[in-house]
Amino acid sequence: MKKIKRLLYTADIDRFRFYVQIFCFGLLLYGGWLGLNLGIHLPAFACPFCSGACGTCYLFPLQHQANMSLRQMAGGRGIGLVSGLGGFILSFIFLNKSWCGFICPLGALQDWISRVRVRAGIRYGSYSKGTFRRLKKIKYLLLILLVLLPLGMSNSFFGLPRLSHDFATPFCMVCPGRTVLPLFSGDAGQAVVDFSSKTKLVLTALGMMSTGLFFVGAFVKRRFFCLFCPMSALQYLFSKAGMVRMTKDGAKCTRCGNCYRVCDMGIREIAESVDRKNIVRDDCMMCFKCVAACPEEQCLKVSFLGATLYSATEEGFFNRASREKTSGA
């Protein structure tokens, strides 16, 4: 058992994650053509607009289910909304936010774009502490709107008229996943502006703008879109129920800052906080790069139901540093 743990703790977690991302990208985008169906509660962007997708991002059915009157919400349709959320939670808690770091196809695309930038020798950008705190609130606003706008189709709030049915899936219309992911199956039909109504014109135009920002942003900032992702916000609401945990022993932390420097999301609290044991923040994607970059024995850990899966070790840190130096990374 000690040999197995030593092998795991000295492994290159980033390379392992790279191969998992390739597998999950192919599974989510093309698995449907093989008859695979993972359901409609996925905590990742398996876009329903992809003809070969084997599952559906939960934000899509959530928006449809929110289109009901308040009276219906107190009845059978409300039960459907709650049961749908329950299905999402059951899908989510097993892997916690590592859905973002290992499985999400939009996340994988951003990581691969970052690899191109690194190969080209172009430095990535970063946010100031104040800017980071302000921008991270956007994902919660988007999460609220993607529920309230469909709800406003069946209800009149404050005497205002009900919204157009073109708001049925407002976030999907502006999500870069709708335009980008179908391209990998040869479908460019979503990468257009819809002129059939004013609402669709605005939403699809915003969608094209977000697509452009997705590619440009991912090239200059690691995991650019993830900072604004409402799926990340929804996941964080239930992250404490996740079976996979990331913890920190603050007494062993020397505040070297390695964990912050390798964090694709730029989460400073990982390095700065020594009092909070749970280091999973709302922007964390559980890629475990911080654990791999920590040189302090047992300071950072990844566990599943209390059992340690991956841990920071001095030997693992120096072994990975030696491999990076040899490879010229």
Protein backbone atom coordinates (compact mmCIF):
# COMPACT_ATOMS: atom_id res chain seq x y z
CA MET A 1 0.00 0.00 0.00
CA LYS A 2 2.86 2.39 0.79
CA LYS A 3 4.34 1.79 -2.67
CA ILE A 4 1.00 2.52 -4.31
CA LYS A 5 0.60 5.75 -2.33
CA ARG A 6 4.16 6.79 -3.18
CA LEU A 7 3.45 6.17 -6.87
CA LEU A 8 0.26 8.25 -6.72
CA TYR A 9 1.76 11.12 -4.73
CA THR A 10 4.72 11.46 -7.11
CA ALA A 11 2.58 11.16 -10.27
CA ASP A 12 2.10 13.96 -12.80
CA ILE A 13 -1.53 14.85 -12.06
CA ASP A 14 -1.66 17.44 -14.84
CA ARG A 15 -0.73 14.89 -17.51
CA PHE A 16 -3.28 12.44 -16.09
CA ARG A 17 -5.92 15.18 -16.20
CA PHE A 18 -5.00 15.95 -19.83
CA TYR A 19 -5.75 12.36 -20.89
CA VAL A 20 -8.97 12.27 -18.86
CA GLN A 21 -10.10 15.50 -20.54
CA ILE A 22 -9.49 14.02 -24.00
CA PHE A 23 -11.51 10.93 -23.12
CA CYS A 24 -14.40 12.92 -21.57
CA PHE A 25 -14.42 15.39 -24.47
CA GLY A 26 -14.90 12.52 -26.92
CA LEU A 27 -17.43 10.78 -24.68
CA LEU A 28 -19.65 13.82 -24.11
CA LEU A 29 -19.57 15.12 -27.69
CA TYR A 30 -19.71 11.84 -29.63
CA GLY A 31 -21.02 9.22 -27.21
CA GLY A 32 -24.59 9.75 -28.41
CA TRP A 33 -23.68 8.33 -31.80
CA LEU A 34 -22.73 5.11 -29.98
CA GLY A 35 -26.09 4.98 -28.24
CA LEU A 36 -24.78 6.25 -24.89
CA ASN A 37 -27.06 8.47 -22.80
CA LEU A 38 -25.90 10.02 -19.53
CA GLY A 39 -29.17 11.85 -18.92
CA ILE A 40 -30.14 15.50 -18.44
CA HIS A 41 -28.54 16.23 -15.07
CA LEU A 42 -24.88 16.59 -16.00
CA PRO A 43 -22.88 19.13 -13.94
CA ALA A 44 -20.82 19.95 -17.06
CA PHE A 45 -21.38 21.60 -20.43
CA ALA A 46 -22.57 18.62 -22.49
CA CYS A 47 -24.43 20.86 -24.90
CA PRO A 48 -27.85 19.60 -26.11
CA PHE A 49 -27.25 21.49 -29.37
CA CYS A 50 -24.54 18.94 -30.27
CA SER A 51 -26.12 16.22 -32.41
CA GLY A 52 -23.80 13.53 -31.03
CA ALA A 53 -23.89 14.52 -27.35
CA CYS A 54 -24.53 11.65 -24.95
CA GLY A 55 -25.92 13.86 -22.19
CA THR A 56 -27.30 17.30 -21.46
CA CYS A 57 -25.91 20.10 -19.34
CA TYR A 58 -28.37 20.53 -16.44
CA LEU A 59 -28.72 24.27 -17.03
CA PHE A 60 -30.74 23.51 -20.19
CA PRO A 61 -33.59 21.53 -18.49
CA LEU A 62 -33.40 23.85 -15.46
CA GLN A 63 -34.40 26.80 -17.64
CA HIS A 64 -37.27 24.83 -19.20
CA GLN A 65 -38.50 23.61 -15.82
CA ALA A 66 -38.45 27.17 -14.42
CA ASN A 67 -41.04 28.21 -17.02
CA MET A 68 -44.11 27.76 -14.82
CA SER A 69 -46.55 29.86 -12.87
CA LEU A 70 -46.17 30.23 -9.12
CA ARG A 71 -49.35 28.18 -8.67
CA GLN A 72 -47.89 25.36 -10.77
CA MET A 73 -44.69 25.57 -8.75
CA ALA A 74 -46.68 24.64 -5.64
CA GLY A 75 -48.07 21.58 -7.46
CA GLY A 76 -46.86 18.74 -9.63
CA ARG A 77 -44.60 20.80 -11.88
CA GLY A 78 -42.86 22.16 -8.82
CA ILE A 79 -42.11 18.60 -7.78
CA GLY A 80 -40.58 18.07 -11.21
CA LEU A 81 -38.31 21.08 -10.68
CA VAL A 82 -37.21 19.79 -7.28
CA SER A 83 -36.66 16.24 -8.54
CA GLY A 84 -34.62 17.61 -11.46
CA LEU A 85 -32.43 19.51 -9.02
CA GLY A 86 -32.14 16.36 -6.95
CA GLY A 87 -30.91 14.45 -10.00
CA PHE A 88 -28.29 17.11 -10.59
CA ILE A 89 -27.11 16.94 -6.98
CA LEU A 90 -26.82 13.14 -7.13
CA SER A 91 -24.76 13.43 -10.32
CA PHE A 92 -22.60 16.13 -8.78
CA ILE A 93 -21.74 14.99 -5.26
CA PHE A 94 -19.72 11.95 -6.35
CA LEU A 95 -16.98 14.03 -8.02
CA ASN A 96 -17.72 17.45 -6.54
CA LYS A 97 -16.23 20.32 -8.58
CA SER A 98 -13.71 18.07 -10.32
CA TRP A 99 -16.44 17.95 -13.00
CA CYS A 100 -14.99 21.34 -13.98
CA GLY A 101 -11.34 20.37 -13.85
CA PHE A 102 -11.50 16.96 -15.47
CA ILE A 103 -14.74 16.55 -17.45
CA CYS A 104 -16.21 19.82 -18.77
CA PRO A 105 -15.50 20.12 -22.54
CA LEU A 106 -15.45 23.92 -22.43
CA GLY A 107 -12.92 23.77 -19.62
CA ALA A 108 -10.79 21.32 -21.60
CA LEU A 109 -10.85 23.60 -24.65
CA GLN A 110 -9.61 26.50 -22.57
CA ASP A 111 -6.79 24.38 -21.17
CA TRP A 112 -5.75 23.31 -24.66
CA ILE A 113 -5.79 26.92 -25.87
CA SER A 114 -3.56 27.79 -22.91
CA ARG A 115 -1.14 25.07 -24.00
CA VAL A 116 -0.91 26.72 -27.43
CA ARG A 117 -0.18 30.06 -25.78
CA VAL A 118 2.54 28.52 -23.61
CA ARG A 119 4.12 26.87 -26.66
CA ALA A 120 4.12 30.24 -28.38
CA GLY A 121 5.89 31.79 -25.39
CA ILE A 122 3.09 34.28 -24.70
CA ARG A 123 2.53 35.26 -21.07
CA TYR A 124 -0.96 35.01 -19.66
CA GLY A 125 -2.77 37.84 -17.91
CA SER A 126 -4.05 38.00 -14.35
CA TYR A 127 -6.63 39.98 -12.39
CA SER A 128 -5.97 42.26 -9.47
CA LYS A 129 -7.49 41.14 -6.17
CA GLY A 130 -10.27 43.75 -6.38
CA THR A 131 -11.11 43.00 -10.02
CA PHE A 132 -11.22 39.27 -9.27
CA ARG A 133 -13.72 39.78 -6.45
CA ARG A 134 -15.98 41.95 -8.61
CA LEU A 135 -15.93 39.72 -11.68
CA LYS A 136 -16.63 36.51 -9.76
CA LYS A 137 -20.07 37.87 -8.82
CA ILE A 138 -21.18 37.77 -12.46
CA LYS A 139 -21.70 33.99 -12.45
CA TYR A 140 -24.21 34.31 -9.59
CA LEU A 141 -26.07 37.04 -11.47
CA LEU A 142 -26.24 34.80 -14.55
CA LEU A 143 -27.48 31.88 -12.44
CA ILE A 144 -30.28 34.04 -11.00
CA LEU A 145 -31.25 35.41 -14.43
CA LEU A 146 -31.37 32.01 -16.12
CA VAL A 147 -34.06 31.03 -13.60
CA LEU A 148 -35.92 34.36 -13.31
CA LEU A 149 -36.25 35.05 -17.04
CA PRO A 150 -38.03 31.73 -17.86
CA LEU A 151 -40.10 32.22 -14.69
CA GLY A 152 -41.13 35.63 -16.05
CA MET A 153 -42.64 33.94 -19.12
CA SER A 154 -45.42 32.43 -16.99
CA ASN A 155 -45.73 35.12 -14.32
CA SER A 156 -46.28 38.85 -14.21
CA PHE A 157 -44.07 40.50 -11.62
CA PHE A 158 -44.68 44.03 -10.30
CA GLY A 159 -47.45 44.53 -12.87
CA LEU A 160 -45.07 44.08 -15.79
CA PRO A 161 -46.17 42.04 -18.84
CA ARG A 162 -45.02 38.48 -19.18
CA LEU A 163 -41.84 37.91 -21.09
CA SER A 164 -41.68 36.53 -24.62
CA HIS A 165 -41.29 32.77 -25.06
CA ASP A 166 -38.01 33.56 -26.78
CA PHE A 167 -36.59 33.68 -23.22
CA ALA A 168 -37.14 29.93 -22.78
CA THR A 169 -33.41 29.19 -22.54
CA PRO A 170 -31.76 32.62 -22.15
CA PHE A 171 -28.38 31.42 -20.92
CA CYS A 172 -28.04 28.80 -23.65
CA MET A 173 -28.53 31.53 -26.24
CA VAL A 174 -25.51 33.47 -24.92
CA CYS A 175 -23.39 30.48 -23.82
CA PRO A 176 -20.30 29.91 -26.01
CA GLY A 177 -20.89 26.17 -25.65
CA ARG A 178 -23.92 26.41 -27.96
CA THR A 179 -21.84 27.83 -30.80
CA VAL A 180 -18.44 26.25 -30.15
CA LEU A 181 -19.12 22.61 -29.25
CA PRO A 182 -21.31 21.73 -32.29
CA LEU A 183 -18.40 22.82 -34.52
CA PHE A 184 -16.58 19.63 -33.50
CA SER A 185 -19.30 17.58 -35.18
CA GLY A 186 -19.21 19.74 -38.31
CA ASP A 187 -22.28 21.78 -37.39
CA ALA A 188 -21.88 25.55 -37.76
CA GLY A 189 -25.64 26.16 -37.72
CA GLN A 190 -25.61 27.65 -34.22
CA ALA A 191 -22.88 30.17 -35.01
CA VAL A 192 -25.34 32.67 -36.49
CA VAL A 193 -27.44 35.63 -35.43
CA ASP A 194 -31.19 34.85 -35.42
CA PHE A 195 -33.24 37.69 -36.92
CA SER A 196 -36.65 36.02 -36.41
CA SER A 197 -37.49 38.29 -33.44
CA LYS A 198 -35.92 41.18 -31.54
CA THR A 199 -35.35 39.02 -28.48
CA LYS A 200 -33.59 36.27 -30.42
CA LEU A 201 -31.62 38.89 -32.32
CA VAL A 202 -30.26 40.34 -29.08
CA LEU A 203 -29.63 36.99 -27.39
CA THR A 204 -27.90 35.33 -30.36
CA ALA A 205 -25.85 38.48 -31.04
CA LEU A 206 -24.70 38.34 -27.41
CA GLY A 207 -23.97 34.67 -27.99
CA MET A 208 -21.68 35.47 -30.90
CA MET A 209 -19.94 38.14 -28.81
CA SER A 210 -19.43 35.68 -25.94
CA THR A 211 -18.00 33.16 -28.42
CA GLY A 212 -15.42 35.67 -29.57
CA LEU A 213 -14.60 36.58 -25.98
CA PHE A 214 -14.30 32.88 -25.13
CA PHE A 215 -11.48 32.33 -27.63
CA VAL A 216 -9.70 35.64 -27.08
CA GLY A 217 -10.09 35.45 -23.30
CA ALA A 218 -8.89 31.84 -23.10
CA PHE A 219 -5.75 32.80 -25.01
CA VAL A 220 -4.77 35.62 -22.65
CA LYS A 221 -6.21 34.33 -19.34
CA ARG A 222 -6.25 30.78 -18.04
CA ARG A 223 -9.79 29.41 -17.69
CA PHE A 224 -11.23 32.81 -18.66
CA PHE A 225 -14.87 31.68 -19.08
CA CYS A 226 -14.94 29.66 -15.84
CA LEU A 227 -14.90 32.84 -13.75
CA PHE A 228 -18.31 33.76 -15.22
CA CYS A 229 -19.80 30.26 -15.44
CA PRO A 230 -23.20 29.86 -13.70
CA MET A 231 -22.66 26.11 -13.59
CA SER A 232 -19.68 26.76 -11.32
CA ALA A 233 -21.89 28.90 -9.09
CA LEU A 234 -24.59 26.21 -8.94
CA GLN A 235 -22.02 23.55 -8.10
CA TYR A 236 -20.53 25.59 -5.27
CA LEU A 237 -23.94 25.81 -3.57
CA PHE A 238 -23.77 22.04 -3.02
CA SER A 239 -20.00 21.54 -2.86
CA LYS A 240 -19.99 20.82 0.88
CA ALA A 241 -22.00 17.67 0.14
CA GLY A 242 -19.36 16.45 -2.32
CA MET A 243 -17.57 13.18 -1.62
CA VAL A 244 -14.29 14.51 -3.01
CA ARG A 245 -12.72 17.10 -0.71
CA MET A 246 -9.63 19.31 -0.80
CA THR A 247 -8.23 20.26 2.59
CA LYS A 248 -5.31 22.19 4.01
CA ASP A 249 -3.33 21.80 7.21
CA GLY A 250 -2.54 25.44 7.91
CA ALA A 251 0.06 24.57 10.54
CA LYS A 252 2.25 23.05 7.81
CA CYS A 253 1.86 25.94 5.37
CA THR A 254 4.90 28.20 4.86
CA ARG A 255 2.99 30.55 2.53
CA CYS A 256 5.45 29.97 -0.28
CA GLY A 257 2.69 30.88 -2.76
CA ASN A 258 3.25 27.93 -5.10
CA CYS A 259 -0.40 26.91 -4.93
CA TYR A 260 -1.58 30.37 -5.97
CA ARG A 261 0.95 30.67 -8.79
CA VAL A 262 -0.18 27.43 -10.45
CA CYS A 263 -3.91 28.01 -9.88
CA ASP A 264 -5.58 28.56 -13.25
CA MET A 265 -8.35 30.52 -11.57
CA GLY A 266 -6.00 32.74 -9.56
CA ILE A 267 -7.52 31.97 -6.14
CA ARG A 268 -5.32 33.77 -3.62
CA GLU A 269 -7.08 32.37 -0.56
CA ILE A 270 -5.51 28.95 -1.12
CA ALA A 271 -2.13 30.41 -0.20
CA GLU A 272 -3.21 33.18 2.16
CA SER A 273 -5.65 31.33 4.42
CA VAL A 274 -4.21 29.07 7.11
CA ASP A 275 -7.32 28.88 9.30
CA ARG A 276 -9.84 27.32 6.94
CA LYS A 277 -9.43 23.58 6.42
CA ASN A 278 -11.69 23.32 3.35
CA ILE A 279 -9.88 25.06 0.47
CA VAL A 280 -12.59 24.60 -2.17
CA ARG A 281 -13.81 28.06 -3.21
CA ASP A 282 -16.60 28.99 -5.60
CA ASP A 283 -14.13 29.43 -8.47
CA CYS A 284 -12.15 26.26 -7.72
CA MET A 285 -12.35 23.61 -10.44
CA MET A 286 -10.56 20.88 -8.46
CA CYS A 287 -7.77 20.31 -10.95
CA PHE A 288 -5.46 19.44 -8.00
CA LYS A 289 -2.56 21.46 -9.45
CA CYS A 290 -2.20 23.29 -6.14
CA VAL A 291 -1.69 19.98 -4.33
CA ALA A 292 0.96 18.91 -6.83
CA ALA A 293 2.78 22.26 -6.47
CA CYS A 294 2.90 22.18 -2.67
CA PRO A 295 6.34 21.15 -1.26
CA GLU A 296 5.14 20.72 2.33
CA GLU A 297 4.47 17.16 3.45
CA GLN A 298 0.72 16.47 3.88
CA CYS A 299 -0.14 20.19 3.80
CA LEU A 300 -2.70 19.89 0.97
CA LYS A 301 -4.78 16.76 0.45
CA VAL A 302 -7.46 15.37 -1.85
CA SER A 303 -9.75 12.84 -0.18
CA PHE A 304 -12.79 10.74 -1.04
CA LEU A 305 -15.15 10.07 1.86
CA GLY A 306 -12.27 10.78 4.24
CA ALA A 307 -9.74 8.48 2.53
CA THR A 308 -6.72 10.31 1.10
CA LEU A 309 -6.41 9.97 -2.69
CA TYR A 310 -3.65 12.46 -3.41
CA SER A 311 -1.40 14.44 -1.11
CA ALA A 312 1.36 17.02 -1.21
CA THR A 313 4.75 15.47 -0.49
CA GLU A 314 8.27 16.81 -0.62
CA GLU A 315 9.40 13.87 -2.79
CA GLY A 316 6.52 14.32 -5.22
CA PHE A 317 7.18 18.05 -5.52
CA PHE A 318 10.86 17.62 -6.38
CA ASN A 319 10.21 14.69 -8.73
CA ARG A 320 7.69 16.76 -10.72
CA ALA A 321 10.01 19.78 -10.72
CA SER A 322 12.83 17.58 -12.06
CA ARG A 323 10.62 16.19 -14.84
CA GLU A 324 9.52 19.70 -15.85
CA LYS A 325 13.14 20.87 -15.97
CA THR A 326 14.15 17.88 -18.08
CA SER A 327 11.27 18.37 -20.52
CA GLY A 328 11.96 22.11 -20.76
CA ALA A 329 8.48 23.01 -19.45
